Structure formats: structure tokens, C-alpha cells
Amino acid sequence: CSFLGRPLDAAALDAVVANASFVTMSHNPMSNFSLSPQFILDRRRGPFLRKGISGDWRNHLSPEQSQRF
């Protein structure tokens, strides 16, 4: 807020924190690509925002894919 020169009161800051949470974002169609065409994200393969934990890519990429990445 300081960087942007837009001070927020405590209630507005709490609203930002709540809306930036993983749970809220995963249910928001504008942040989870649920409105995007299938050629951009095939939702049949799973949601864009899956679990909200770091490092889960290890469970989805082969060792070769991980090495290339």
C-alpha cells in the first residue's frame, strides 16, 4: 500500500488478505481460469489452483521432466 501511495485502513487490509487467500482464490472464477476456453486450460484434467502447497509438482512430473524444467 505504501509503495502504491494508497494507504488502507484495517478493514480494507483485512479484506485484501481474505480475498488473496488460496481458498477464496480457488473459488473465484476470475483467478482460477474456470472461465477460460478449454484449449487454454482443460479443466477435465483438474483445476488450475489445485492444493495450495509448494513442491507438489514432484508428484506430477517425471524425473526427466523435472530435470528439463
PDB file of N, CA and C in Angstrom:
ATOM      1  N   CYS A   1       0.824  -1.194   0.000  1.00  0.00           N
ATOM      2  CA  CYS A   1       0.000   0.000   0.000  1.00  0.00           C
ATOM      3  C   CYS A   1       0.860   1.246   0.000  1.00  0.00           C
ATOM      4  N   SER A   2       1.909   1.228   0.777  1.00  0.00           N
ATOM      5  CA  SER A   2       2.796   2.392   0.838  1.00  0.00           C
ATOM      6  C   SER A   2       3.466   2.620  -0.505  1.00  0.00           C
ATOM      7  N   PHE A   3       3.906   1.540  -1.137  1.00  0.00           N
ATOM      8  CA  PHE A   3       4.565   1.636  -2.431  1.00  0.00           C
ATOM      9  C   PHE A   3       3.656   2.284  -3.472  1.00  0.00           C
ATOM     10  N   LEU A   4       2.374   1.944  -3.442  1.00  0.00           N
ATOM     11  CA  LEU A   4       1.419   2.491  -4.393  1.00  0.00           C
ATOM     12  C   LEU A   4       0.869   3.847  -3.974  1.00  0.00           C
ATOM     13  N   GLY A   5       1.216   4.273  -2.762  1.00  0.00           N
ATOM     14  CA  GLY A   5       0.718   5.550  -2.280  1.00  0.00           C
ATOM     15  C   GLY A   5      -0.766   5.511  -1.977  1.00  0.00           C
ATOM     16  N   ARG A   6      -1.280   4.326  -1.608  1.00  0.00           N
ATOM     17  CA  ARG A   6      -2.710   4.148  -1.323  1.00  0.00           C
ATOM     18  C   ARG A   6      -2.867   3.521   0.061  1.00  0.00           C
ATOM     19  N   PRO A   7      -2.830   4.317   1.105  1.00  0.00           N
ATOM     20  CA  PRO A   7      -2.983   3.749   2.444  1.00  0.00           C
ATOM     21  C   PRO A   7      -4.369   3.111   2.614  1.00  0.00           C
ATOM     22  N   LEU A   8      -4.408   1.995   3.319  1.00  0.00           N
ATOM     23  CA  LEU A   8      -5.664   1.297   3.590  1.00  0.00           C
ATOM     24  C   LEU A   8      -5.901   1.248   5.084  1.00  0.00           C
ATOM     25  N   ASP A   9      -7.169   1.345   5.460  1.00  0.00           N
ATOM     26  CA  ASP A   9      -7.481   1.177   6.875  1.00  0.00           C
ATOM     27  C   ASP A   9      -7.483  -0.319   7.193  1.00  0.00           C
ATOM     28  N   ALA A  10      -7.607  -0.647   8.454  1.00  0.00           N
ATOM     29  CA  ALA A  10      -7.506  -2.039   8.895  1.00  0.00           C
ATOM     30  C   ALA A  10      -8.564  -2.925   8.239  1.00  0.00           C
ATOM     31  N   ALA A  11      -9.778  -2.433   8.080  1.00  0.00           N
ATOM     32  CA  ALA A  11     -10.849  -3.245   7.475  1.00  0.00           C
ATOM     33  C   ALA A  11     -10.549  -3.547   6.015  1.00  0.00           C
ATOM     34  N   ALA A  12     -10.053  -2.562   5.278  1.00  0.00           N
ATOM     35  CA  ALA A  12      -9.715  -2.782   3.871  1.00  0.00           C
ATOM     36  C   ALA A  12      -8.537  -3.731   3.743  1.00  0.00           C
ATOM     37  N   LEU A  13      -7.560  -3.606   4.605  1.00  0.00           N
ATOM     38  CA  LEU A  13      -6.408  -4.504   4.589  1.00  0.00           C
ATOM     39  C   LEU A  13      -6.836  -5.935   4.914  1.00  0.00           C
ATOM     40  N   ASP A  14      -7.724  -6.098   5.871  1.00  0.00           N
ATOM     41  CA  ASP A  14      -8.255  -7.427   6.189  1.00  0.00           C
ATOM     42  C   ASP A  14      -8.990  -8.020   4.991  1.00  0.00           C
ATOM     43  N   ALA A  15      -9.717  -7.197   4.247  1.00  0.00           N
ATOM     44  CA  ALA A  15     -10.431  -7.670   3.061  1.00  0.00           C
ATOM     45  C   ALA A  15      -9.457  -8.120   1.974  1.00  0.00           C
ATOM     46  N   VAL A  16      -8.362  -7.395   1.810  1.00  0.00           N
ATOM     47  CA  VAL A  16      -7.339  -7.787   0.833  1.00  0.00           C
ATOM     48  C   VAL A  16      -6.742  -9.133   1.216  1.00  0.00           C
ATOM     49  N   VAL A  17      -6.392  -9.293   2.464  1.00  0.00           N
ATOM     50  CA  VAL A  17      -5.812 -10.553   2.935  1.00  0.00           C
ATOM     51  C   VAL A  17      -6.800 -11.703   2.739  1.00  0.00           C
ATOM     52  N   ALA A  18      -8.053 -11.493   3.076  1.00  0.00           N
ATOM     53  CA  ALA A  18      -9.059 -12.543   2.925  1.00  0.00           C
ATOM     54  C   ALA A  18      -9.254 -12.908   1.457  1.00  0.00           C
ATOM     55  N   ASN A  19      -9.297 -11.917   0.573  1.00  0.00           N
ATOM     56  CA  ASN A  19      -9.511 -12.188  -0.846  1.00  0.00           C
ATOM     57  C   ASN A  19      -8.282 -12.755  -1.541  1.00  0.00           C
ATOM     58  N   ALA A  20      -7.120 -12.620  -0.939  1.00  0.00           N
ATOM     59  CA  ALA A  20      -5.895 -13.172  -1.506  1.00  0.00           C
ATOM     60  C   ALA A  20      -5.589 -14.570  -0.974  1.00  0.00           C
ATOM     61  N   SER A  21      -6.448 -15.102  -0.119  1.00  0.00           N
ATOM     62  CA  SER A  21      -6.206 -16.439   0.421  1.00  0.00           C
ATOM     63  C   SER A  21      -6.410 -17.496  -0.664  1.00  0.00           C
ATOM     64  N   PHE A  22      -5.766 -18.623  -0.515  1.00  0.00           N
ATOM     65  CA  PHE A  22      -5.883 -19.693  -1.506  1.00  0.00           C
ATOM     66  C   PHE A  22      -7.327 -20.172  -1.627  1.00  0.00           C
ATOM     67  N   VAL A  23      -7.994 -20.352  -0.524  1.00  0.00           N
ATOM     68  CA  VAL A  23      -9.369 -20.855  -0.547  1.00  0.00           C
ATOM     69  C   VAL A  23     -10.277 -19.918  -1.340  1.00  0.00           C
ATOM     70  N   THR A  24     -10.172 -18.630  -1.064  1.00  0.00           N
ATOM     71  CA  THR A  24     -11.006 -17.658  -1.768  1.00  0.00           C
ATOM     72  C   THR A  24     -10.666 -17.623  -3.249  1.00  0.00           C
ATOM     73  N   MET A  25      -9.381 -17.598  -3.580  1.00  0.00           N
ATOM     74  CA  MET A  25      -8.983 -17.539  -4.983  1.00  0.00           C
ATOM     75  C   MET A  25      -9.373 -18.803  -5.741  1.00  0.00           C
ATOM     76  N   SER A  26      -9.319 -19.952  -5.072  1.00  0.00           N
ATOM     77  CA  SER A  26      -9.668 -21.193  -5.763  1.00  0.00           C
ATOM     78  C   SER A  26     -11.155 -21.266  -6.101  1.00  0.00           C
ATOM     79  N   HIS A  27     -11.975 -20.500  -5.414  1.00  0.00           N
ATOM     80  CA  HIS A  27     -13.409 -20.461  -5.707  1.00  0.00           C
ATOM     81  C   HIS A  27     -13.801 -19.272  -6.584  1.00  0.00           C
ATOM     82  N   ASN A  28     -12.846 -18.410  -6.915  1.00  0.00           N
ATOM     83  CA  ASN A  28     -13.114 -17.226  -7.718  1.00  0.00           C
ATOM     84  C   ASN A  28     -12.869 -17.539  -9.195  1.00  0.00           C
ATOM     85  N   PRO A  29     -13.914 -17.520 -10.043  1.00  0.00           N
ATOM     86  CA  PRO A  29     -13.733 -17.853 -11.461  1.00  0.00           C
ATOM     87  C   PRO A  29     -12.749 -16.932 -12.183  1.00  0.00           C
ATOM     88  N   MET A  30     -12.545 -15.733 -11.680  1.00  0.00           N
ATOM     89  CA  MET A  30     -11.628 -14.810 -12.346  1.00  0.00           C
ATOM     90  C   MET A  30     -10.162 -15.102 -12.021  1.00  0.00           C
ATOM     91  N   SER A  31      -9.885 -15.862 -10.975  1.00  0.00           N
ATOM     92  CA  SER A  31      -8.493 -16.144 -10.631  1.00  0.00           C
ATOM     93  C   SER A  31      -8.113 -17.600 -10.835  1.00  0.00           C
ATOM     94  N   ASN A  32      -9.073 -18.455 -11.132  1.00  0.00           N
ATOM     95  CA  ASN A  32      -8.727 -19.874 -11.273  1.00  0.00           C
ATOM     96  C   ASN A  32      -8.935 -20.406 -12.687  1.00  0.00           C
ATOM     97  N   PHE A  33      -9.068 -19.522 -13.658  1.00  0.00           N
ATOM     98  CA  PHE A  33      -9.159 -19.877 -15.080  1.00  0.00           C
ATOM     99  C   PHE A  33     -10.401 -20.699 -15.411  1.00  0.00           C
ATOM    100  N   SER A  34     -11.409 -20.699 -14.550  1.00  0.00           N
ATOM    101  CA  SER A  34     -12.595 -21.507 -14.835  1.00  0.00           C
ATOM    102  C   SER A  34     -13.427 -20.931 -15.971  1.00  0.00           C
ATOM    103  N   LEU A  35     -13.186 -19.682 -16.347  1.00  0.00           N
ATOM    104  CA  LEU A  35     -13.917 -19.083 -17.466  1.00  0.00           C
ATOM    105  C   LEU A  35     -13.131 -19.146 -18.772  1.00  0.00           C
ATOM    106  N   SER A  36     -11.920 -19.671 -18.730  1.00  0.00           N
ATOM    107  CA  SER A  36     -11.091 -19.703 -19.932  1.00  0.00           C
ATOM    108  C   SER A  36     -11.517 -20.844 -20.851  1.00  0.00           C
ATOM    109  N   PRO A  37     -11.276 -20.690 -22.156  1.00  0.00           N
ATOM    110  CA  PRO A  37     -11.629 -21.753 -23.097  1.00  0.00           C
ATOM    111  C   PRO A  37     -10.827 -23.022 -22.820  1.00  0.00           C
ATOM    112  N   GLN A  38     -11.364 -24.138 -23.219  1.00  0.00           N
ATOM    113  CA  GLN A  38     -10.746 -25.432 -22.939  1.00  0.00           C
ATOM    114  C   GLN A  38      -9.361 -25.554 -23.579  1.00  0.00           C
ATOM    115  N   PHE A  39      -9.131 -24.889 -24.722  1.00  0.00           N
ATOM    116  CA  PHE A  39      -7.812 -25.013 -25.346  1.00  0.00           C
ATOM    117  C   PHE A  39      -6.721 -24.323 -24.527  1.00  0.00           C
ATOM    118  N   ILE A  40      -7.106 -23.432 -23.629  1.00  0.00           N
ATOM    119  CA  ILE A  40      -6.131 -22.793 -22.740  1.00  0.00           C
ATOM    120  C   ILE A  40      -5.920 -23.653 -21.491  1.00  0.00           C
ATOM    121  N   LEU A  41      -6.994 -24.117 -20.904  1.00  0.00           N
ATOM    122  CA  LEU A  41      -6.895 -24.967 -19.714  1.00  0.00           C
ATOM    123  C   LEU A  41      -7.987 -26.014 -19.776  1.00  0.00           C
ATOM    124  N   ASP A  42      -7.581 -27.261 -19.890  1.00  0.00           N
ATOM    125  CA  ASP A  42      -8.533 -28.366 -19.928  1.00  0.00           C
ATOM    126  C   ASP A  42      -8.891 -28.740 -18.496  1.00  0.00           C
ATOM    127  N   ARG A  43     -10.005 -28.230 -18.017  1.00  0.00           N
ATOM    128  CA  ARG A  43     -10.410 -28.447 -16.625  1.00  0.00           C
ATOM    129  C   ARG A  43     -10.769 -29.896 -16.327  1.00  0.00           C
ATOM    130  N   ARG A  44     -10.937 -30.730 -17.356  1.00  0.00           N
ATOM    131  CA  ARG A  44     -11.195 -32.160 -17.105  1.00  0.00           C
ATOM    132  C   ARG A  44      -9.970 -32.823 -16.487  1.00  0.00           C
ATOM    133  N   ARG A  45      -8.806 -32.226 -16.678  1.00  0.00           N
ATOM    134  CA  ARG A  45      -7.573 -32.780 -16.117  1.00  0.00           C
ATOM    135  C   ARG A  45      -7.320 -32.283 -14.698  1.00  0.00           C
ATOM    136  N   GLY A  46      -8.161 -31.377 -14.231  1.00  0.00           N
ATOM    137  CA  GLY A  46      -8.028 -30.856 -12.874  1.00  0.00           C
ATOM    138  C   GLY A  46      -8.077 -29.340 -12.876  1.00  0.00           C
ATOM    139  N   PRO A  47      -8.289 -28.757 -11.725  1.00  0.00           N
ATOM    140  CA  PRO A  47      -8.384 -27.298 -11.627  1.00  0.00           C
ATOM    141  C   PRO A  47      -7.018 -26.628 -11.755  1.00  0.00           C
ATOM    142  N   PHE A  48      -7.027 -25.366 -12.115  1.00  0.00           N
ATOM    143  CA  PHE A  48      -5.786 -24.601 -12.225  1.00  0.00           C
ATOM    144  C   PHE A  48      -5.127 -24.467 -10.859  1.00  0.00           C
ATOM    145  N   LEU A  49      -5.884 -24.064  -9.869  1.00  0.00           N
ATOM    146  CA  LEU A  49      -5.382 -23.982  -8.497  1.00  0.00           C
ATOM    147  C   LEU A  49      -5.747 -25.287  -7.807  1.00  0.00           C
ATOM    148  N   ARG A  50      -4.756 -26.122  -7.553  1.00  0.00           N
ATOM    149  CA  ARG A  50      -5.042 -27.468  -7.086  1.00  0.00           C
ATOM    150  C   ARG A  50      -5.081 -27.601  -5.569  1.00  0.00           C
ATOM    151  N   LYS A  51      -3.912 -27.477  -4.916  1.00  0.00           N
ATOM    152  CA  LYS A  51      -3.846 -27.754  -3.484  1.00  0.00           C
ATOM    153  C   LYS A  51      -3.387 -26.575  -2.644  1.00  0.00           C
ATOM    154  N   GLY A  52      -2.653 -25.689  -3.223  1.00  0.00           N
ATOM    155  CA  GLY A  52      -2.143 -24.554  -2.464  1.00  0.00           C
ATOM    156  C   GLY A  52      -0.919 -24.873  -1.643  1.00  0.00           C
ATOM    157  N   ILE A  53      -0.149 -25.867  -2.071  1.00  0.00           N
ATOM    158  CA  ILE A  53       1.094 -26.201  -1.380  1.00  0.00           C
ATOM    159  C   ILE A  53       2.233 -26.146  -2.392  1.00  0.00           C
ATOM    160  N   SER A  54       3.392 -25.781  -1.934  1.00  0.00           N
ATOM    161  CA  SER A  54       4.534 -25.731  -2.841  1.00  0.00           C
ATOM    162  C   SER A  54       5.194 -27.102  -2.934  1.00  0.00           C
ATOM    163  N   GLY A  55       5.786 -27.359  -4.076  1.00  0.00           N
ATOM    164  CA  GLY A  55       6.517 -28.599  -4.273  1.00  0.00           C
ATOM    165  C   GLY A  55       5.686 -29.765  -4.759  1.00  0.00           C
ATOM    166  N   ASP A  56       4.395 -29.574  -4.970  1.00  0.00           N
ATOM    167  CA  ASP A  56       3.543 -30.689  -5.406  1.00  0.00           C
ATOM    168  C   ASP A  56       3.854 -31.122  -6.834  1.00  0.00           C
ATOM    169  N   TRP A  57       4.578 -30.289  -7.566  1.00  0.00           N
ATOM    170  CA  TRP A  57       4.951 -30.659  -8.938  1.00  0.00           C
ATOM    171  C   TRP A  57       5.719 -31.972  -8.950  1.00  0.00           C
ATOM    172  N   ARG A  58       6.408 -32.289  -7.865  1.00  0.00           N
ATOM    173  CA  ARG A  58       7.174 -33.546  -7.812  1.00  0.00           C
ATOM    174  C   ARG A  58       6.268 -34.766  -7.947  1.00  0.00           C
ATOM    175  N   ASN A  59       5.012 -34.603  -7.572  1.00  0.00           N
ATOM    176  CA  ASN A  59       4.056 -35.708  -7.680  1.00  0.00           C
ATOM    177  C   ASN A  59       3.439 -35.807  -9.075  1.00  0.00           C
ATOM    178  N   HIS A  60       3.726 -34.846  -9.947  1.00  0.00           N
ATOM    179  CA  HIS A  60       3.082 -34.815 -11.253  1.00  0.00           C
ATOM    180  C   HIS A  60       4.050 -34.876 -12.425  1.00  0.00           C
ATOM    181  N   LEU A  61       5.308 -34.542 -12.197  1.00  0.00           N
ATOM    182  CA  LEU A  61       6.297 -34.568 -13.266  1.00  0.00           C
ATOM    183  C   LEU A  61       7.191 -35.787 -13.123  1.00  0.00           C
ATOM    184  N   SER A  62       7.579 -36.350 -14.247  1.00  0.00           N
ATOM    185  CA  SER A  62       8.530 -37.457 -14.226  1.00  0.00           C
ATOM    186  C   SER A  62       9.907 -36.892 -13.869  1.00  0.00           C
ATOM    187  N   PRO A  63      10.843 -37.761 -13.466  1.00  0.00           N
ATOM    188  CA  PRO A  63      12.201 -37.269 -13.192  1.00  0.00           C
ATOM    189  C   PRO A  63      12.805 -36.565 -14.417  1.00  0.00           C
ATOM    190  N   GLU A  64      12.531 -37.064 -15.601  1.00  0.00           N
ATOM    191  CA  GLU A  64      13.046 -36.424 -16.805  1.00  0.00           C
ATOM    192  C   GLU A  64      12.448 -35.031 -17.010  1.00  0.00           C
ATOM    193  N   GLN A  65      11.148 -34.931 -16.794  1.00  0.00           N
ATOM    194  CA  GLN A  65      10.503 -33.621 -16.919  1.00  0.00           C
ATOM    195  C   GLN A  65      11.043 -32.647 -15.881  1.00  0.00           C
ATOM    196  N   SER A  66      11.230 -33.126 -14.667  1.00  0.00           N
ATOM    197  CA  SER A  66      11.772 -32.277 -13.605  1.00  0.00           C
ATOM    198  C   SER A  66      13.170 -31.791 -13.971  1.00  0.00           C
ATOM    199  N   GLN A  67      13.980 -32.688 -14.516  1.00  0.00           N
ATOM    200  CA  GLN A  67      15.342 -32.324 -14.917  1.00  0.00           C
ATOM    201  C   GLN A  67      15.321 -31.277 -16.017  1.00  0.00           C
ATOM    202  N   ARG A  68      14.461 -31.450 -17.000  1.00  0.00           N
ATOM    203  CA  ARG A  68      14.379 -30.495 -18.105  1.00  0.00           C
ATOM    204  C   ARG A  68      13.892 -29.137 -17.611  1.00  0.00           C
ATOM    205  N   PHE A  69      12.941 -29.158 -16.684  1.00  0.00           N
ATOM    206  CA  PHE A  69      12.392 -27.908 -16.162  1.00  0.00           C
ATOM    207  C   PHE A  69      13.435 -27.177 -15.349  1.00  0.00           C
TER     208      PHE A  69
END
